[in-house]
Structure formats: C-alpha cells, structure tokens
N, C-alpha and C. Protein backbone atom coordinates (compact mmCIF):
# COMPACT_ATOMS: atom_id res chain seq x y z
N ALA A 1 -79.45 -63.57 128.05
CA ALA A 1 -79.19 -64.82 127.94
C ALA A 1 -80.33 -65.50 127.75
N MET A 2 -79.79 -66.57 127.30
CA MET A 2 -80.80 -67.77 126.61
C MET A 2 -80.44 -68.98 127.63
N VAL A 3 -81.21 -69.78 127.96
CA VAL A 3 -81.47 -71.12 128.50
C VAL A 3 -82.16 -71.85 128.04
N VAL A 4 -80.89 -73.21 127.82
CA VAL A 4 -81.21 -74.07 127.52
C VAL A 4 -81.39 -75.19 128.03
N PRO A 5 -82.55 -75.76 128.61
CA PRO A 5 -82.69 -77.42 128.94
C PRO A 5 -81.88 -78.21 128.78
N THR A 6 -80.86 -78.75 129.55
CA THR A 6 -79.73 -79.77 129.35
C THR A 6 -80.70 -81.01 128.63
N ALA A 7 -82.06 -81.10 129.08
CA ALA A 7 -82.60 -82.52 128.28
C ALA A 7 -82.71 -81.88 127.53
N ASP A 8 -82.93 -81.16 126.53
CA ASP A 8 -83.01 -80.58 125.34
C ASP A 8 -82.27 -81.28 124.75
N LEU A 9 -80.89 -81.08 125.17
CA LEU A 9 -79.28 -81.57 124.68
C LEU A 9 -78.90 -83.03 124.80
N ILE A 10 -79.06 -83.73 125.71
CA ILE A 10 -78.76 -84.84 125.99
C ILE A 10 -78.73 -85.79 124.42
N GLY A 11 -79.73 -86.07 123.58
CA GLY A 11 -79.75 -86.84 122.75
C GLY A 11 -79.07 -86.18 121.78
N PRO A 12 -78.97 -84.86 121.25
CA PRO A 12 -77.93 -84.44 120.67
C PRO A 12 -76.52 -84.72 120.71
N ALA A 13 -76.75 -84.56 121.82
CA ALA A 13 -75.32 -83.97 122.50
C ALA A 13 -74.49 -86.03 122.21
N TRP A 14 -75.69 -86.51 122.50
CA TRP A 14 -74.43 -88.27 122.96
C TRP A 14 -74.41 -88.54 121.66
N ALA A 15 -75.67 -88.55 120.28
CA ALA A 15 -75.07 -88.82 119.22
C ALA A 15 -73.44 -88.19 118.46
N VAL A 16 -73.54 -86.51 118.62
CA VAL A 16 -72.36 -86.21 118.42
C VAL A 16 -71.09 -86.96 119.12
N ALA A 17 -71.13 -86.77 120.38
CA ALA A 17 -70.39 -87.51 120.84
C ALA A 17 -69.76 -88.88 120.33
N LYS A 18 -71.02 -89.85 120.21
CA LYS A 18 -70.47 -91.39 119.66
C LYS A 18 -69.96 -90.84 118.05
N ALA A 19 -70.47 -90.39 117.69
CA ALA A 19 -69.85 -89.93 116.12
C ALA A 19 -68.70 -89.15 115.87
N LEU A 20 -68.09 -88.67 116.67
CA LEU A 20 -66.62 -88.05 116.90
C LEU A 20 -65.96 -89.11 117.79
N ASP A 21 -66.09 -89.87 118.81
CA ASP A 21 -65.44 -90.50 119.53
C ASP A 21 -64.65 -89.18 120.86
N HIS A 22 -66.09 -88.56 121.09
CA HIS A 22 -65.44 -87.53 121.46
C HIS A 22 -66.43 -87.09 123.00
N SER A 23 -65.59 -86.89 124.02
CA SER A 23 -66.43 -86.71 125.58
C SER A 23 -67.47 -85.92 125.53
N ILE A 24 -68.84 -86.24 125.96
CA ILE A 24 -69.96 -85.46 125.87
C ILE A 24 -70.06 -84.35 126.68
N TYR A 25 -69.20 -83.95 127.27
CA TYR A 25 -68.87 -82.54 128.32
C TYR A 25 -68.98 -81.32 126.78
N ASP A 26 -68.07 -82.15 126.09
CA ASP A 26 -67.73 -80.94 124.91
C ASP A 26 -68.81 -81.03 123.88
N CYS A 27 -68.90 -82.21 123.83
CA CYS A 27 -70.02 -82.48 122.73
C CYS A 27 -71.84 -81.82 123.19
N LEU A 28 -71.96 -81.74 124.50
CA LEU A 28 -73.18 -80.46 125.20
C LEU A 28 -73.02 -79.18 124.24
N TYR A 29 -71.74 -78.63 124.70
CA TYR A 29 -71.52 -77.27 124.15
C TYR A 29 -71.43 -76.77 122.18
N LEU A 30 -71.18 -78.29 121.84
CA LEU A 30 -71.51 -78.16 120.27
C LEU A 30 -72.96 -78.22 120.20
N ALA A 31 -73.73 -79.08 120.73
CA ALA A 31 -74.97 -79.32 120.75
C ALA A 31 -75.63 -78.56 121.02
N CYS A 32 -75.45 -77.35 122.10
CA CYS A 32 -76.07 -76.40 122.35
C CYS A 32 -75.72 -75.04 121.53
N ALA A 33 -74.66 -75.02 120.41
CA ALA A 33 -74.41 -74.16 119.42
C ALA A 33 -75.38 -74.51 118.34
N GLU A 34 -75.73 -75.79 118.11
CA GLU A 34 -76.10 -75.91 116.96
C GLU A 34 -77.74 -75.91 117.40
N HIS A 35 -78.12 -75.59 118.70
CA HIS A 35 -79.64 -75.98 118.79
C HIS A 35 -80.11 -74.27 118.51
N THR A 36 -79.23 -73.37 119.49
CA THR A 36 -79.51 -72.07 119.18
C THR A 36 -78.81 -71.56 118.24
N ASN A 37 -78.21 -71.99 117.11
CA ASN A 37 -77.68 -71.35 116.10
C ASN A 37 -76.42 -70.37 116.19
N GLN A 38 -75.51 -70.39 117.49
CA GLN A 38 -74.59 -69.98 117.90
C GLN A 38 -73.45 -70.07 118.01
N PRO A 39 -72.59 -69.13 117.67
CA PRO A 39 -70.83 -70.12 117.33
C PRO A 39 -70.52 -70.50 118.98
N LEU A 40 -69.66 -72.16 118.93
CA LEU A 40 -68.71 -72.54 119.69
C LEU A 40 -67.32 -72.11 119.79
N VAL A 41 -67.14 -71.31 120.63
CA VAL A 41 -65.91 -70.66 120.46
C VAL A 41 -64.41 -72.03 121.45
N THR A 42 -63.35 -72.25 120.86
CA THR A 42 -62.83 -73.22 121.47
C THR A 42 -61.33 -73.03 121.46
N ALA A 43 -60.30 -73.50 122.08
CA ALA A 43 -58.99 -73.84 121.67
C ALA A 43 -58.82 -75.17 121.96
N ASP A 44 -59.49 -76.15 121.52
CA ASP A 44 -59.33 -77.67 121.60
C ASP A 44 -59.36 -77.59 120.07
N ARG A 45 -58.32 -77.63 119.44
CA ARG A 45 -57.79 -78.20 118.00
C ARG A 45 -57.97 -79.64 117.83
N ARG A 46 -57.69 -80.30 118.88
CA ARG A 46 -58.25 -81.58 118.46
C ARG A 46 -59.68 -82.03 118.29
N PHE A 47 -60.45 -81.51 119.26
CA PHE A 47 -62.22 -81.46 118.82
C PHE A 47 -62.56 -80.41 117.48
N LEU A 48 -62.20 -79.55 117.63
CA LEU A 48 -62.48 -78.97 115.70
C LEU A 48 -61.99 -80.12 114.38
N ASP A 49 -60.97 -80.61 114.84
CA ASP A 49 -60.70 -81.89 114.03
C ASP A 49 -61.47 -82.79 113.85
N LYS A 50 -61.82 -83.30 114.69
CA LYS A 50 -62.77 -84.52 114.99
C LYS A 50 -64.33 -84.01 114.11
N ALA A 51 -64.38 -82.59 114.37
CA ALA A 51 -65.76 -82.03 114.30
C ALA A 51 -65.62 -81.76 112.82
N ARG A 52 -64.37 -81.20 112.25
CA ARG A 52 -64.59 -81.45 110.27
C ARG A 52 -64.92 -82.37 109.52
N ALA A 53 -63.94 -83.32 110.84
CA ALA A 53 -63.68 -84.92 109.84
C ALA A 53 -65.22 -85.50 109.64
N LYS A 54 -66.04 -84.95 110.40
CA LYS A 54 -67.53 -85.44 110.11
C LYS A 54 -68.17 -84.43 109.97
N GLY A 55 -67.71 -83.44 109.46
CA GLY A 55 -68.44 -81.97 109.01
C GLY A 55 -69.87 -81.53 109.74
N ARG A 56 -69.34 -81.50 110.76
CA ARG A 56 -69.98 -80.64 112.25
C ARG A 56 -69.37 -79.21 112.89
N ASP A 57 -68.26 -78.81 111.89
CA ASP A 57 -67.86 -77.66 112.44
C ASP A 57 -68.26 -76.05 111.91
N ALA A 58 -69.54 -76.74 111.27
CA ALA A 58 -70.19 -75.24 111.17
C ALA A 58 -70.45 -74.43 112.20
N SER A 59 -70.44 -74.70 113.36
CA SER A 59 -70.86 -73.76 114.79
C SER A 59 -69.38 -73.49 115.76
N ILE A 60 -68.63 -74.25 114.83
CA ILE A 60 -66.86 -73.91 115.60
C ILE A 60 -66.35 -73.11 115.50
N ARG A 61 -65.50 -72.02 116.09
CA ARG A 61 -64.79 -70.73 115.93
C ARG A 61 -63.07 -70.93 116.65
N LEU A 62 -62.61 -71.68 116.30
CA LEU A 62 -61.18 -71.79 116.85
C LEU A 62 -60.69 -70.49 117.68
N LEU A 63 -60.03 -70.63 118.79
CA LEU A 63 -60.04 -69.43 119.58
C LEU A 63 -58.72 -68.95 119.18
N ALA A 64 -57.84 -68.48 118.39
CA ALA A 64 -56.36 -67.94 118.10
C ALA A 64 -55.39 -67.46 119.37
N SER A 65 -54.44 -67.88 119.30
CA SER A 65 -53.58 -67.52 120.27
C SER A 65 -52.76 -66.45 120.45
C-alpha cells in the first residue's frame, strides 16, 4: 500500500476544487489519484462531469451500476 501525505496534496487539491467549484474532500482523492498515477473510481456522475468539463477526468473512472 502506498501512503501519500495529505500535505503533498492540499495545494493541488485546492486548485482543483476552485477550478471545478467542488468540495475539497472529493478533490483530495482526485489529487491523490493524479499524484500516484492511479485511477479514482467514483459513483459521483456530477463530479465526473465537472472534471470532464475542465479536462481533469483522465484519472477518473465511473463506477458502473
């Protein structure tokens, strides 16, 4: 398992949260996914749509229902 200090993610997550007008909570997960080059799996279609609109969706996978 990989441990990523939150301190390394706060800056990038805050920038994403402002760009997407979305909660820092979700954006911390996206920042971590981008930082580690791993996918973020979410069922939050609204979050994915916001990320797509800003070109930040490369790391996000939508959880199929």
